[in-house]
């Protein structure tokens, strides 16, 4: 029964790690492009990347906890908080990324 819990968790962790790598590549590309909205876009990507990282760490910890039948509540709660936090940051980062993409460069004042 333990393996069935572990496999989807590890798959999720791998997927979010892959997404993080793709986002990092996009960020480098936008930085190199140096367009007007480049800073806002890369900020959004940075937030999304941070969230994806927190999410994969949380998922991985949760997967390990279920693998080694760790019943410590603190371990599970911490992992779940990491995952929830990761989700939130990804949501906000993704939103700011989309806003930056669709905003007409020069028209929208910089939020700093």
PDB file of N, CA and C in Angstrom:
ATOM      1  N   UNK A   1       0.823  -1.210   0.000  1.00  0.00           N
ATOM      2  CA  UNK A   1       0.000   0.000   0.000  1.00  0.00           C
ATOM      3  C   UNK A   1       0.854   1.256   0.000  1.00  0.00           C
ATOM      4  N   UNK A   2       2.046   1.143   0.598  1.00  0.00           N
ATOM      5  CA  UNK A   2       2.917   2.328   0.713  1.00  0.00           C
ATOM      6  C   UNK A   2       3.415   2.794  -0.665  1.00  0.00           C
ATOM      7  N   UNK A   3       3.756   1.841  -1.519  1.00  0.00           N
ATOM      8  CA  UNK A   3       4.304   2.198  -2.834  1.00  0.00           C
ATOM      9  C   UNK A   3       3.296   2.983  -3.674  1.00  0.00           C
ATOM     10  N   UNK A   4       2.009   2.632  -3.555  1.00  0.00           N
ATOM     11  CA  UNK A   4       0.989   3.321  -4.352  1.00  0.00           C
ATOM     12  C   UNK A   4       0.868   4.782  -3.945  1.00  0.00           C
ATOM     13  N   UNK A   5       1.149   5.073  -2.667  1.00  0.00           N
ATOM     14  CA  UNK A   5       1.143   6.470  -2.207  1.00  0.00           C
ATOM     15  C   UNK A   5       2.377   7.192  -2.743  1.00  0.00           C
ATOM     16  N   UNK A   6       3.493   6.480  -2.739  1.00  0.00           N
ATOM     17  CA  UNK A   6       4.781   7.083  -3.082  1.00  0.00           C
ATOM     18  C   UNK A   6       4.895   7.467  -4.553  1.00  0.00           C
ATOM     19  N   UNK A   7       4.446   6.593  -5.453  1.00  0.00           N
ATOM     20  CA  UNK A   7       4.641   6.813  -6.891  1.00  0.00           C
ATOM     21  C   UNK A   7       4.045   8.128  -7.394  1.00  0.00           C
ATOM     22  N   UNK A   8       2.743   8.414  -7.133  1.00  0.00           N
ATOM     23  CA  UNK A   8       2.218   9.703  -7.619  1.00  0.00           C
ATOM     24  C   UNK A   8       2.905  10.908  -6.984  1.00  0.00           C
ATOM     25  N   UNK A   9       3.305  10.782  -5.724  1.00  0.00           N
ATOM     26  CA  UNK A   9       4.015  11.876  -5.047  1.00  0.00           C
ATOM     27  C   UNK A   9       5.339  12.173  -5.732  1.00  0.00           C
ATOM     28  N   UNK A  10       6.105  11.128  -6.021  1.00  0.00           N
ATOM     29  CA  UNK A  10       7.390  11.306  -6.684  1.00  0.00           C
ATOM     30  C   UNK A  10       7.205  11.818  -8.106  1.00  0.00           C
ATOM     31  N   UNK A  11       6.153  11.344  -8.781  1.00  0.00           N
ATOM     32  CA  UNK A  11       5.856  11.820 -10.136  1.00  0.00           C
ATOM     33  C   UNK A  11       5.564  13.318 -10.112  1.00  0.00           C
ATOM     34  N   UNK A  12       4.781  13.752  -9.108  1.00  0.00           N
ATOM     35  CA  UNK A  12       4.474  15.179  -8.949  1.00  0.00           C
ATOM     36  C   UNK A  12       5.737  15.984  -8.690  1.00  0.00           C
ATOM     37  N   UNK A  13       6.594  15.467  -7.824  1.00  0.00           N
ATOM     38  CA  UNK A  13       7.840  16.167  -7.511  1.00  0.00           C
ATOM     39  C   UNK A  13       8.704  16.314  -8.758  1.00  0.00           C
ATOM     40  N   UNK A  14       8.791  15.249  -9.563  1.00  0.00           N
ATOM     41  CA  UNK A  14       9.567  15.289 -10.800  1.00  0.00           C
ATOM     42  C   UNK A  14       8.970  16.272 -11.796  1.00  0.00           C
ATOM     43  N   UNK A  15       7.632  16.268 -11.912  1.00  0.00           N
ATOM     44  CA  UNK A  15       6.950  17.184 -12.833  1.00  0.00           C
ATOM     45  C   UNK A  15       7.206  18.636 -12.450  1.00  0.00           C
ATOM     46  N   UNK A  16       7.099  18.944 -11.152  1.00  0.00           N
ATOM     47  CA  UNK A  16       7.310  20.332 -10.740  1.00  0.00           C
ATOM     48  C   UNK A  16       8.774  20.735 -10.899  1.00  0.00           C
ATOM     49  N   UNK A  17       9.685  19.780 -10.730  1.00  0.00           N
ATOM     50  CA  UNK A  17      11.101  20.077 -10.964  1.00  0.00           C
ATOM     51  C   UNK A  17      11.350  20.381 -12.438  1.00  0.00           C
ATOM     52  N   UNK A  18      10.707  19.605 -13.324  1.00  0.00           N
ATOM     53  CA  UNK A  18      10.828  19.835 -14.767  1.00  0.00           C
ATOM     54  C   UNK A  18      10.239  21.190 -15.146  1.00  0.00           C
ATOM     55  N   UNK A  19       9.083  21.508 -14.545  1.00  0.00           N
ATOM     56  CA  UNK A  19       8.447  22.807 -14.799  1.00  0.00           C
ATOM     57  C   UNK A  19       9.356  23.938 -14.335  1.00  0.00           C
ATOM     58  N   UNK A  20       9.998  23.738 -13.182  1.00  0.00           N
ATOM     59  CA  UNK A  20      10.931  24.733 -12.660  1.00  0.00           C
ATOM     60  C   UNK A  20      12.097  24.968 -13.601  1.00  0.00           C
ATOM     61  N   UNK A  21      12.629  23.888 -14.163  1.00  0.00           N
ATOM     62  CA  UNK A  21      13.738  24.002 -15.114  1.00  0.00           C
ATOM     63  C   UNK A  21      13.308  24.762 -16.363  1.00  0.00           C
ATOM     64  N   UNK A  22      12.099  24.458 -16.854  1.00  0.00           N
ATOM     65  CA  UNK A  22      11.567  25.148 -18.032  1.00  0.00           C
ATOM     66  C   UNK A  22      11.393  26.638 -17.751  1.00  0.00           C
ATOM     67  N   UNK A  23      10.874  26.960 -16.551  1.00  0.00           N
ATOM     68  CA  UNK A  23      10.672  28.360 -16.168  1.00  0.00           C
ATOM     69  C   UNK A  23      12.000  29.097 -16.055  1.00  0.00           C
ATOM     70  N   UNK A  24      13.010  28.421 -15.506  1.00  0.00           N
ATOM     71  CA  UNK A  24      14.331  29.039 -15.382  1.00  0.00           C
ATOM     72  C   UNK A  24      14.901  29.363 -16.760  1.00  0.00           C
ATOM     73  N   UNK A  25      14.696  28.447 -17.711  1.00  0.00           N
ATOM     74  CA  UNK A  25      15.152  28.673 -19.085  1.00  0.00           C
ATOM     75  C   UNK A  25      14.435  29.868 -19.696  1.00  0.00           C
ATOM     76  N   UNK A  26      13.104  29.932 -19.506  1.00  0.00           N
ATOM     77  CA  UNK A  26      12.308  31.066 -19.998  1.00  0.00           C
ATOM     78  C   UNK A  26      12.821  32.371 -19.413  1.00  0.00           C
ATOM     79  N   UNK A  27      13.136  32.337 -18.118  1.00  0.00           N
ATOM     80  CA  UNK A  27      13.595  33.539 -17.425  1.00  0.00           C
ATOM     81  C   UNK A  27      14.897  34.041 -18.034  1.00  0.00           C
ATOM     82  N   UNK A  28      15.821  33.123 -18.285  1.00  0.00           N
ATOM     83  CA  UNK A  28      17.094  33.494 -18.909  1.00  0.00           C
ATOM     84  C   UNK A  28      16.859  34.086 -20.293  1.00  0.00           C
ATOM     85  N   UNK A  29      15.927  33.496 -21.020  1.00  0.00           N
ATOM     86  CA  UNK A  29      15.620  33.958 -22.372  1.00  0.00           C
ATOM     87  C   UNK A  29      15.056  35.380 -22.346  1.00  0.00           C
ATOM     88  N   UNK A  30      14.131  35.634 -21.393  1.00  0.00           N
ATOM     89  CA  UNK A  30      13.545  36.977 -21.268  1.00  0.00           C
ATOM     90  C   UNK A  30      14.596  37.998 -20.850  1.00  0.00           C
ATOM     91  N   UNK A  31      15.504  37.592 -19.960  1.00  0.00           N
ATOM     92  CA  UNK A  31      16.578  38.489 -19.530  1.00  0.00           C
ATOM     93  C   UNK A  31      17.467  38.853 -20.716  1.00  0.00           C
ATOM     94  N   UNK A  32      17.753  37.852 -21.552  1.00  0.00           N
ATOM     95  CA  UNK A  32      18.603  38.074 -22.719  1.00  0.00           C
ATOM     96  C   UNK A  32      17.900  38.964 -23.747  1.00  0.00           C
ATOM     97  N   UNK A  33      16.577  38.793 -23.865  1.00  0.00           N
ATOM     98  CA  UNK A  33      15.805  39.585 -24.832  1.00  0.00           C
ATOM     99  C   UNK A  33      15.836  41.071 -24.471  1.00  0.00           C
ATOM    100  N   UNK A  34      15.776  41.359 -23.147  1.00  0.00           N
ATOM    101  CA  UNK A  34      15.905  42.733 -22.662  1.00  0.00           C
ATOM    102  C   UNK A  34      14.813  43.671 -23.123  1.00  0.00           C
ATOM    103  N   UNK A  35      13.583  43.160 -23.231  1.00  0.00           N
ATOM    104  CA  UNK A  35      12.470  44.018 -23.641  1.00  0.00           C
ATOM    105  C   UNK A  35      12.002  44.878 -22.471  1.00  0.00           C
ATOM    106  N   UNK A  36      11.046  45.775 -22.717  1.00  0.00           N
ATOM    107  CA  UNK A  36      10.571  46.690 -21.681  1.00  0.00           C
ATOM    108  C   UNK A  36       9.915  45.982 -20.514  1.00  0.00           C
ATOM    109  N   UNK A  37       9.210  44.892 -20.810  1.00  0.00           N
ATOM    110  CA  UNK A  37       8.471  44.187 -19.757  1.00  0.00           C
ATOM    111  C   UNK A  37       9.300  43.057 -19.151  1.00  0.00           C
ATOM    112  N   UNK A  38      10.557  42.961 -19.599  1.00  0.00           N
ATOM    113  CA  UNK A  38      11.416  41.837 -19.230  1.00  0.00           C
ATOM    114  C   UNK A  38      11.553  41.670 -17.715  1.00  0.00           C
ATOM    115  N   UNK A  39      11.673  42.785 -16.969  1.00  0.00           N
ATOM    116  CA  UNK A  39      11.850  42.690 -15.519  1.00  0.00           C
ATOM    117  C   UNK A  39      10.607  42.129 -14.838  1.00  0.00           C
ATOM    118  N   UNK A  40       9.431  42.640 -15.235  1.00  0.00           N
ATOM    119  CA  UNK A  40       8.182  42.158 -14.630  1.00  0.00           C
ATOM    120  C   UNK A  40       7.977  40.680 -14.932  1.00  0.00           C
ATOM    121  N   UNK A  41       8.273  40.290 -16.162  1.00  0.00           N
ATOM    122  CA  UNK A  41       8.109  38.892 -16.557  1.00  0.00           C
ATOM    123  C   UNK A  41       9.039  37.991 -15.753  1.00  0.00           C
ATOM    124  N   UNK A  42      10.310  38.393 -15.642  1.00  0.00           N
ATOM    125  CA  UNK A  42      11.258  37.532 -14.930  1.00  0.00           C
ATOM    126  C   UNK A  42      10.970  37.506 -13.432  1.00  0.00           C
ATOM    127  N   UNK A  43      10.385  38.589 -12.889  1.00  0.00           N
ATOM    128  CA  UNK A  43       9.963  38.565 -11.481  1.00  0.00           C
ATOM    129  C   UNK A  43       8.871  37.524 -11.279  1.00  0.00           C
ATOM    130  N   UNK A  44       7.909  37.521 -12.205  1.00  0.00           N
ATOM    131  CA  UNK A  44       6.827  36.535 -12.139  1.00  0.00           C
ATOM    132  C   UNK A  44       7.356  35.119 -12.229  1.00  0.00           C
ATOM    133  N   UNK A  45       8.315  34.925 -13.143  1.00  0.00           N
ATOM    134  CA  UNK A  45       8.905  33.597 -13.316  1.00  0.00           C
ATOM    135  C   UNK A  45       9.662  33.190 -12.055  1.00  0.00           C
ATOM    136  N   UNK A  46      10.360  34.160 -11.454  1.00  0.00           N
ATOM    137  CA  UNK A  46      11.132  33.877 -10.241  1.00  0.00           C
ATOM    138  C   UNK A  46      10.217  33.398  -9.114  1.00  0.00           C
ATOM    139  N   UNK A  47       9.081  34.075  -8.948  1.00  0.00           N
ATOM    140  CA  UNK A  47       8.119  33.671  -7.918  1.00  0.00           C
ATOM    141  C   UNK A  47       7.584  32.273  -8.207  1.00  0.00           C
ATOM    142  N   UNK A  48       7.232  32.039  -9.467  1.00  0.00           N
ATOM    143  CA  UNK A  48       6.700  30.732  -9.848  1.00  0.00           C
ATOM    144  C   UNK A  48       7.729  29.640  -9.592  1.00  0.00           C
ATOM    145  N   UNK A  49       8.986  29.949  -9.895  1.00  0.00           N
ATOM    146  CA  UNK A  49      10.086  29.005  -9.697  1.00  0.00           C
ATOM    147  C   UNK A  49      10.246  28.677  -8.214  1.00  0.00           C
ATOM    148  N   UNK A  50      10.178  29.717  -7.364  1.00  0.00           N
ATOM    149  CA  UNK A  50      10.272  29.515  -5.918  1.00  0.00           C
ATOM    150  C   UNK A  50       9.151  28.632  -5.403  1.00  0.00           C
ATOM    151  N   UNK A  51       7.946  28.888  -5.909  1.00  0.00           N
ATOM    152  CA  UNK A  51       6.792  28.093  -5.502  1.00  0.00           C
ATOM    153  C   UNK A  51       6.912  26.647  -5.932  1.00  0.00           C
ATOM    154  N   UNK A  52       7.384  26.448  -7.158  1.00  0.00           N
ATOM    155  CA  UNK A  52       7.557  25.085  -7.671  1.00  0.00           C
ATOM    156  C   UNK A  52       8.587  24.329  -6.841  1.00  0.00           C
ATOM    157  N   UNK A  53       9.635  25.048  -6.427  1.00  0.00           N
ATOM    158  CA  UNK A  53      10.681  24.436  -5.608  1.00  0.00           C
ATOM    159  C   UNK A  53      10.128  24.023  -4.244  1.00  0.00           C
ATOM    160  N   UNK A  54       9.387  24.938  -3.602  1.00  0.00           N
ATOM    161  CA  UNK A  54       8.780  24.635  -2.302  1.00  0.00           C
ATOM    162  C   UNK A  54       7.831  23.449  -2.424  1.00  0.00           C
ATOM    163  N   UNK A  55       7.051  23.443  -3.526  1.00  0.00           N
ATOM    164  CA  UNK A  55       6.091  22.370  -3.764  1.00  0.00           C
ATOM    165  C   UNK A  55       6.797  21.025  -3.924  1.00  0.00           C
ATOM    166  N   UNK A  56       7.877  21.000  -4.717  1.00  0.00           N
ATOM    167  CA  UNK A  56       8.559  19.715  -4.926  1.00  0.00           C
ATOM    168  C   UNK A  56       9.267  19.239  -3.667  1.00  0.00           C
ATOM    169  N   UNK A  57       9.829  20.174  -2.890  1.00  0.00           N
ATOM    170  CA  UNK A  57      10.468  19.775  -1.626  1.00  0.00           C
ATOM    171  C   UNK A  57       9.431  19.183  -0.679  1.00  0.00           C
ATOM    172  N   UNK A  58       8.289  19.868  -0.556  1.00  0.00           N
ATOM    173  CA  UNK A  58       7.215  19.382   0.308  1.00  0.00           C
ATOM    174  C   UNK A  58       6.706  18.016  -0.115  1.00  0.00           C
ATOM    175  N   UNK A  59       6.498  17.853  -1.420  1.00  0.00           N
ATOM    176  CA  UNK A  59       6.010  16.580  -1.953  1.00  0.00           C
ATOM    177  C   UNK A  59       7.010  15.462  -1.696  1.00  0.00           C
ATOM    178  N   UNK A  60       8.284  15.785  -1.892  1.00  0.00           N
ATOM    179  CA  UNK A  60       9.344  14.797  -1.695  1.00  0.00           C
ATOM    180  C   UNK A  60       9.426  14.365  -0.232  1.00  0.00           C
ATOM    181  N   UNK A  61       9.351  15.340   0.686  1.00  0.00           N
ATOM    182  CA  UNK A  61       9.393  15.036   2.125  1.00  0.00           C
ATOM    183  C   UNK A  61       8.207  14.163   2.515  1.00  0.00           C
ATOM    184  N   UNK A  62       7.024  14.507   1.967  1.00  0.00           N
ATOM    185  CA  UNK A  62       5.814  13.738   2.258  1.00  0.00           C
ATOM    186  C   UNK A  62       5.953  12.310   1.730  1.00  0.00           C
ATOM    187  N   UNK A  63       6.525  12.188   0.526  1.00  0.00           N
ATOM    188  CA  UNK A  63       6.732  10.861  -0.069  1.00  0.00           C
ATOM    189  C   UNK A  63       7.686  10.026   0.780  1.00  0.00           C
ATOM    190  N   UNK A  64       8.781  10.652   1.237  1.00  0.00           N
ATOM    191  CA  UNK A  64       9.743   9.944   2.089  1.00  0.00           C
ATOM    192  C   UNK A  64       9.110   9.540   3.410  1.00  0.00           C
ATOM    193  N   UNK A  65       8.289  10.449   3.971  1.00  0.00           N
ATOM    194  CA  UNK A  65       7.621  10.161   5.240  1.00  0.00           C
ATOM    195  C   UNK A  65       6.704   8.952   5.102  1.00  0.00           C
ATOM    196  N   UNK A  66       5.987   8.866   3.968  1.00  0.00           N
ATOM    197  CA  UNK A  66       5.087   7.724   3.784  1.00  0.00           C
ATOM    198  C   UNK A  66       5.871   6.451   3.456  1.00  0.00           C
ATOM    199  N   UNK A  67       7.063   6.618   2.865  1.00  0.00           N
ATOM    200  CA  UNK A  67       7.889   5.448   2.531  1.00  0.00           C
ATOM    201  C   UNK A  67       8.438   4.800   3.799  1.00  0.00           C
ATOM    202  N   UNK A  68       8.950   5.635   4.700  1.00  0.00           N
ATOM    203  CA  UNK A  68       9.549   5.102   5.918  1.00  0.00           C
ATOM    204  C   UNK A  68       8.570   5.066   7.094  1.00  0.00           C
ATOM    205  N   UNK A  69       7.282   5.133   6.795  1.00  0.00           N
ATOM    206  CA  UNK A  69       6.203   5.115   7.790  1.00  0.00           C
ATOM    207  C   UNK A  69       6.500   6.032   8.978  1.00  0.00           C
ATOM    208  N   UNK A  70       6.947   7.252   8.655  1.00  0.00           N
ATOM    209  CA  UNK A  70       7.199   8.236   9.709  1.00  0.00           C
ATOM    210  C   UNK A  70       5.852   8.747  10.191  1.00  0.00           C
ATOM    211  N   UNK A  71       5.544   8.494  11.464  1.00  0.00           N
ATOM    212  CA  UNK A  71       4.248   8.918  11.985  1.00  0.00           C
ATOM    213  C   UNK A  71       4.339  10.270  12.681  1.00  0.00           C
ATOM    214  N   UNK A  72       5.549  10.851  12.693  1.00  0.00           N
ATOM    215  CA  UNK A  72       5.722  12.158  13.332  1.00  0.00           C
ATOM    216  C   UNK A  72       4.823  13.184  12.643  1.00  0.00           C
ATOM    217  N   UNK A  73       3.912  13.769  13.415  1.00  0.00           N
ATOM    218  CA  UNK A  73       2.949  14.720  12.869  1.00  0.00           C
ATOM    219  C   UNK A  73       3.662  15.960  12.333  1.00  0.00           C
ATOM    220  N   UNK A  74       4.719  16.385  13.040  1.00  0.00           N
ATOM    221  CA  UNK A  74       5.442  17.602  12.634  1.00  0.00           C
ATOM    222  C   UNK A  74       6.006  17.474  11.221  1.00  0.00           C
ATOM    223  N   UNK A  75       6.542  16.284  10.894  1.00  0.00           N
ATOM    224  CA  UNK A  75       7.113  16.061   9.560  1.00  0.00           C
ATOM    225  C   UNK A  75       6.033  16.213   8.496  1.00  0.00           C
ATOM    226  N   UNK A  76       4.888  15.556   8.720  1.00  0.00           N
ATOM    227  CA  UNK A  76       3.801  15.602   7.746  1.00  0.00           C
ATOM    228  C   UNK A  76       3.218  17.009   7.614  1.00  0.00           C
ATOM    229  N   UNK A  77       2.980  17.664   8.753  1.00  0.00           N
ATOM    230  CA  UNK A  77       2.417  19.021   8.734  1.00  0.00           C
ATOM    231  C   UNK A  77       3.360  19.983   8.013  1.00  0.00           C
ATOM    232  N   UNK A  78       4.658  19.880   8.315  1.00  0.00           N
ATOM    233  CA  UNK A  78       5.647  20.738   7.656  1.00  0.00           C
ATOM    234  C   UNK A  78       5.622  20.532   6.148  1.00  0.00           C
ATOM    235  N   UNK A  79       5.612  19.267   5.724  1.00  0.00           N
ATOM    236  CA  UNK A  79       5.592  18.953   4.291  1.00  0.00           C
ATOM    237  C   UNK A  79       4.333  19.508   3.630  1.00  0.00           C
ATOM    238  N   UNK A  80       3.188  19.333   4.291  1.00  0.00           N
ATOM    239  CA  UNK A  80       1.920  19.823   3.735  1.00  0.00           C
ATOM    240  C   UNK A  80       1.925  21.346   3.641  1.00  0.00           C
ATOM    241  N   UNK A  81       2.489  22.017   4.652  1.00  0.00           N
ATOM    242  CA  UNK A  81       2.601  23.479   4.612  1.00  0.00           C
ATOM    243  C   UNK A  81       3.492  23.927   3.457  1.00  0.00           C
ATOM    244  N   UNK A  82       4.587  23.214   3.229  1.00  0.00           N
ATOM    245  CA  UNK A  82       5.479  23.520   2.100  1.00  0.00           C
ATOM    246  C   UNK A  82       4.721  23.404   0.789  1.00  0.00           C
ATOM    247  N   UNK A  83       3.933  22.320   0.654  1.00  0.00           N
ATOM    248  CA  UNK A  83       3.175  22.095  -0.580  1.00  0.00           C
ATOM    249  C   UNK A  83       2.137  23.196  -0.775  1.00  0.00           C
ATOM    250  N   UNK A  84       1.396  23.519   0.305  1.00  0.00           N
ATOM    251  CA  UNK A  84       0.377  24.568   0.226  1.00  0.00           C
ATOM    252  C   UNK A  84       1.015  25.911  -0.116  1.00  0.00           C
ATOM    253  N   UNK A  85       2.129  26.210   0.546  1.00  0.00           N
ATOM    254  CA  UNK A  85       2.856  27.450   0.270  1.00  0.00           C
ATOM    255  C   UNK A  85       3.342  27.498  -1.165  1.00  0.00           C
ATOM    256  N   UNK A  86       3.840  26.367  -1.636  1.00  0.00           N
ATOM    257  CA  UNK A  86       4.299  26.266  -3.016  1.00  0.00           C
ATOM    258  C   UNK A  86       3.179  26.546  -3.998  1.00  0.00           C
ATOM    259  N   UNK A  87       2.008  25.951  -3.742  1.00  0.00           N
ATOM    260  CA  UNK A  87       0.837  26.190  -4.582  1.00  0.00           C
ATOM    261  C   UNK A  87       0.490  27.672  -4.641  1.00  0.00           C
ATOM    262  N   UNK A  88       0.450  28.323  -3.458  1.00  0.00           N
ATOM    263  CA  UNK A  88       0.104  29.747  -3.385  1.00  0.00           C
ATOM    264  C   UNK A  88       1.093  30.599  -4.164  1.00  0.00           C
ATOM    265  N   UNK A  89       2.388  30.350  -3.954  1.00  0.00           N
ATOM    266  CA  UNK A  89       3.411  31.151  -4.630  1.00  0.00           C
ATOM    267  C   UNK A  89       3.361  30.936  -6.137  1.00  0.00           C
ATOM    268  N   UNK A  90       3.134  29.686  -6.564  1.00  0.00           N
ATOM    269  CA  UNK A  90       3.007  29.400  -7.995  1.00  0.00           C
ATOM    270  C   UNK A  90       1.819  30.162  -8.576  1.00  0.00           C
ATOM    271  N   UNK A  91       0.709  30.174  -7.833  1.00  0.00           N
ATOM    272  CA  UNK A  91      -0.480  30.888  -8.309  1.00  0.00           C
ATOM    273  C   UNK A  91      -0.195  32.377  -8.478  1.00  0.00           C
ATOM    274  N   UNK A  92       0.394  33.005  -7.449  1.00  0.00           N
ATOM    275  CA  UNK A  92       0.694  34.443  -7.516  1.00  0.00           C
ATOM    276  C   UNK A  92       1.756  34.746  -8.569  1.00  0.00           C
ATOM    277  N   UNK A  93       2.791  33.910  -8.617  1.00  0.00           N
ATOM    278  CA  UNK A  93       3.851  34.094  -9.601  1.00  0.00           C
ATOM    279  C   UNK A  93       3.322  33.954 -11.012  1.00  0.00           C
ATOM    280  N   UNK A  94       2.482  32.947 -11.222  1.00  0.00           N
ATOM    281  CA  UNK A  94       1.888  32.726 -12.535  1.00  0.00           C
ATOM    282  C   UNK A  94       1.003  33.884 -12.954  1.00  0.00           C
ATOM    283  N   UNK A  95       0.237  34.411 -11.999  1.00  0.00           N
ATOM    284  CA  UNK A  95      -0.629  35.563 -12.282  1.00  0.00           C
ATOM    285  C   UNK A  95       0.185  36.772 -12.697  1.00  0.00           C
ATOM    286  N   UNK A  96       1.228  37.087 -11.927  1.00  0.00           N
ATOM    287  CA  UNK A  96       2.036  38.265 -12.259  1.00  0.00           C
ATOM    288  C   UNK A  96       2.781  38.063 -13.575  1.00  0.00           C
ATOM    289  N   UNK A  97       3.130  36.802 -13.865  1.00  0.00           N
ATOM    290  CA  UNK A  97       3.787  36.470 -15.127  1.00  0.00           C
ATOM    291  C   UNK A  97       2.843  36.743 -16.303  1.00  0.00           C
ATOM    292  N   UNK A  98       1.586  36.286 -16.173  1.00  0.00           N
ATOM    293  CA  UNK A  98       0.592  36.495 -17.234  1.00  0.00           C
ATOM    294  C   UNK A  98       0.261  37.968 -17.403  1.00  0.00           C
ATOM    295  N   UNK A  99       0.119  38.674 -16.276  1.00  0.00           N
ATOM    296  CA  UNK A  99      -0.163  40.111 -16.324  1.00  0.00           C
ATOM    297  C   UNK A  99       0.960  40.836 -17.054  1.00  0.00           C
ATOM    298  N   UNK A 100       2.202  40.474 -16.734  1.00  0.00           N
ATOM    299  CA  UNK A 100       3.357  41.104 -17.376  1.00  0.00           C
ATOM    300  C   UNK A 100       3.397  40.797 -18.872  1.00  0.00           C
ATOM    301  N   UNK A 101       3.000  39.584 -19.233  1.00  0.00           N
ATOM    302  CA  UNK A 101       3.002  39.205 -20.649  1.00  0.00           C
ATOM    303  C   UNK A 101       1.967  39.995 -21.443  1.00  0.00           C
ATOM    304  N   UNK A 102       0.773  40.156 -20.839  1.00  0.00           N
ATOM    305  CA  UNK A 102      -0.319  40.804 -21.565  1.00  0.00           C
ATOM    306  C   UNK A 102      -0.316  42.319 -21.452  1.00  0.00           C
ATOM    307  N   UNK A 103       0.442  42.848 -20.479  1.00  0.00           N
ATOM    308  CA  UNK A 103       0.494  44.303 -20.314  1.00  0.00           C
ATOM    309  C   UNK A 103       1.253  44.912 -21.490  1.00  0.00           C
ATOM    310  N   UNK A 104       0.718  46.015 -22.010  1.00  0.00           N
ATOM    311  CA  UNK A 104       1.409  46.697 -23.107  1.00  0.00           C
ATOM    312  C   UNK A 104       2.619  47.410 -22.520  1.00  0.00           C
ATOM    313  N   UNK A 105       3.836  47.096 -22.979  1.00  0.00           N
ATOM    314  CA  UNK A 105       5.030  47.730 -22.424  1.00  0.00           C
ATOM    315  C   UNK A 105       4.972  49.249 -22.557  1.00  0.00           C
ATOM    316  N   UNK A 106       5.281  49.947 -21.450  1.00  0.00           N
ATOM    317  CA  UNK A 106       5.277  51.408 -21.471  1.00  0.00           C
ATOM    318  C   UNK A 106       3.986  52.010 -20.957  1.00  0.00           C
ATOM    319  N   UNK A 107       2.866  51.279 -21.082  1.00  0.00           N
ATOM    320  CA  UNK A 107       1.571  51.804 -20.634  1.00  0.00           C
ATOM    321  C   UNK A 107       1.353  51.545 -19.143  1.00  0.00           C
ATOM    322  N   UNK A 108       1.789  50.371 -18.697  1.00  0.00           N
ATOM    323  CA  UNK A 108       1.549  49.984 -17.305  1.00  0.00           C
ATOM    324  C   UNK A 108       2.690  50.486 -16.424  1.00  0.00           C
ATOM    325  N   UNK A 109       2.369  51.245 -15.359  1.00  0.00           N
ATOM    326  CA  UNK A 109       3.430  51.734 -14.463  1.00  0.00           C
ATOM    327  C   UNK A 109       4.069  50.573 -13.707  1.00  0.00           C
ATOM    328  N   UNK A 110       5.349  50.685 -13.472  1.00  0.00           N
ATOM    329  CA  UNK A 110       6.094  49.629 -12.775  1.00  0.00           C
ATOM    330  C   UNK A 110       5.660  49.572 -11.302  1.00  0.00           C
ATOM    331  N   UNK A 111       5.329  48.383 -10.848  1.00  0.00           N
ATOM    332  CA  UNK A 111       4.904  48.211  -9.455  1.00  0.00           C
ATOM    333  C   UNK A 111       6.124  48.014  -8.568  1.00  0.00           C
ATOM    334  N   UNK A 112       6.766  49.121  -8.191  1.00  0.00           N
ATOM    335  CA  UNK A 112       7.961  48.993  -7.349  1.00  0.00           C
ATOM    336  C   UNK A 112       7.895  49.967  -6.185  1.00  0.00           C
TER     337      UNK A 112
END
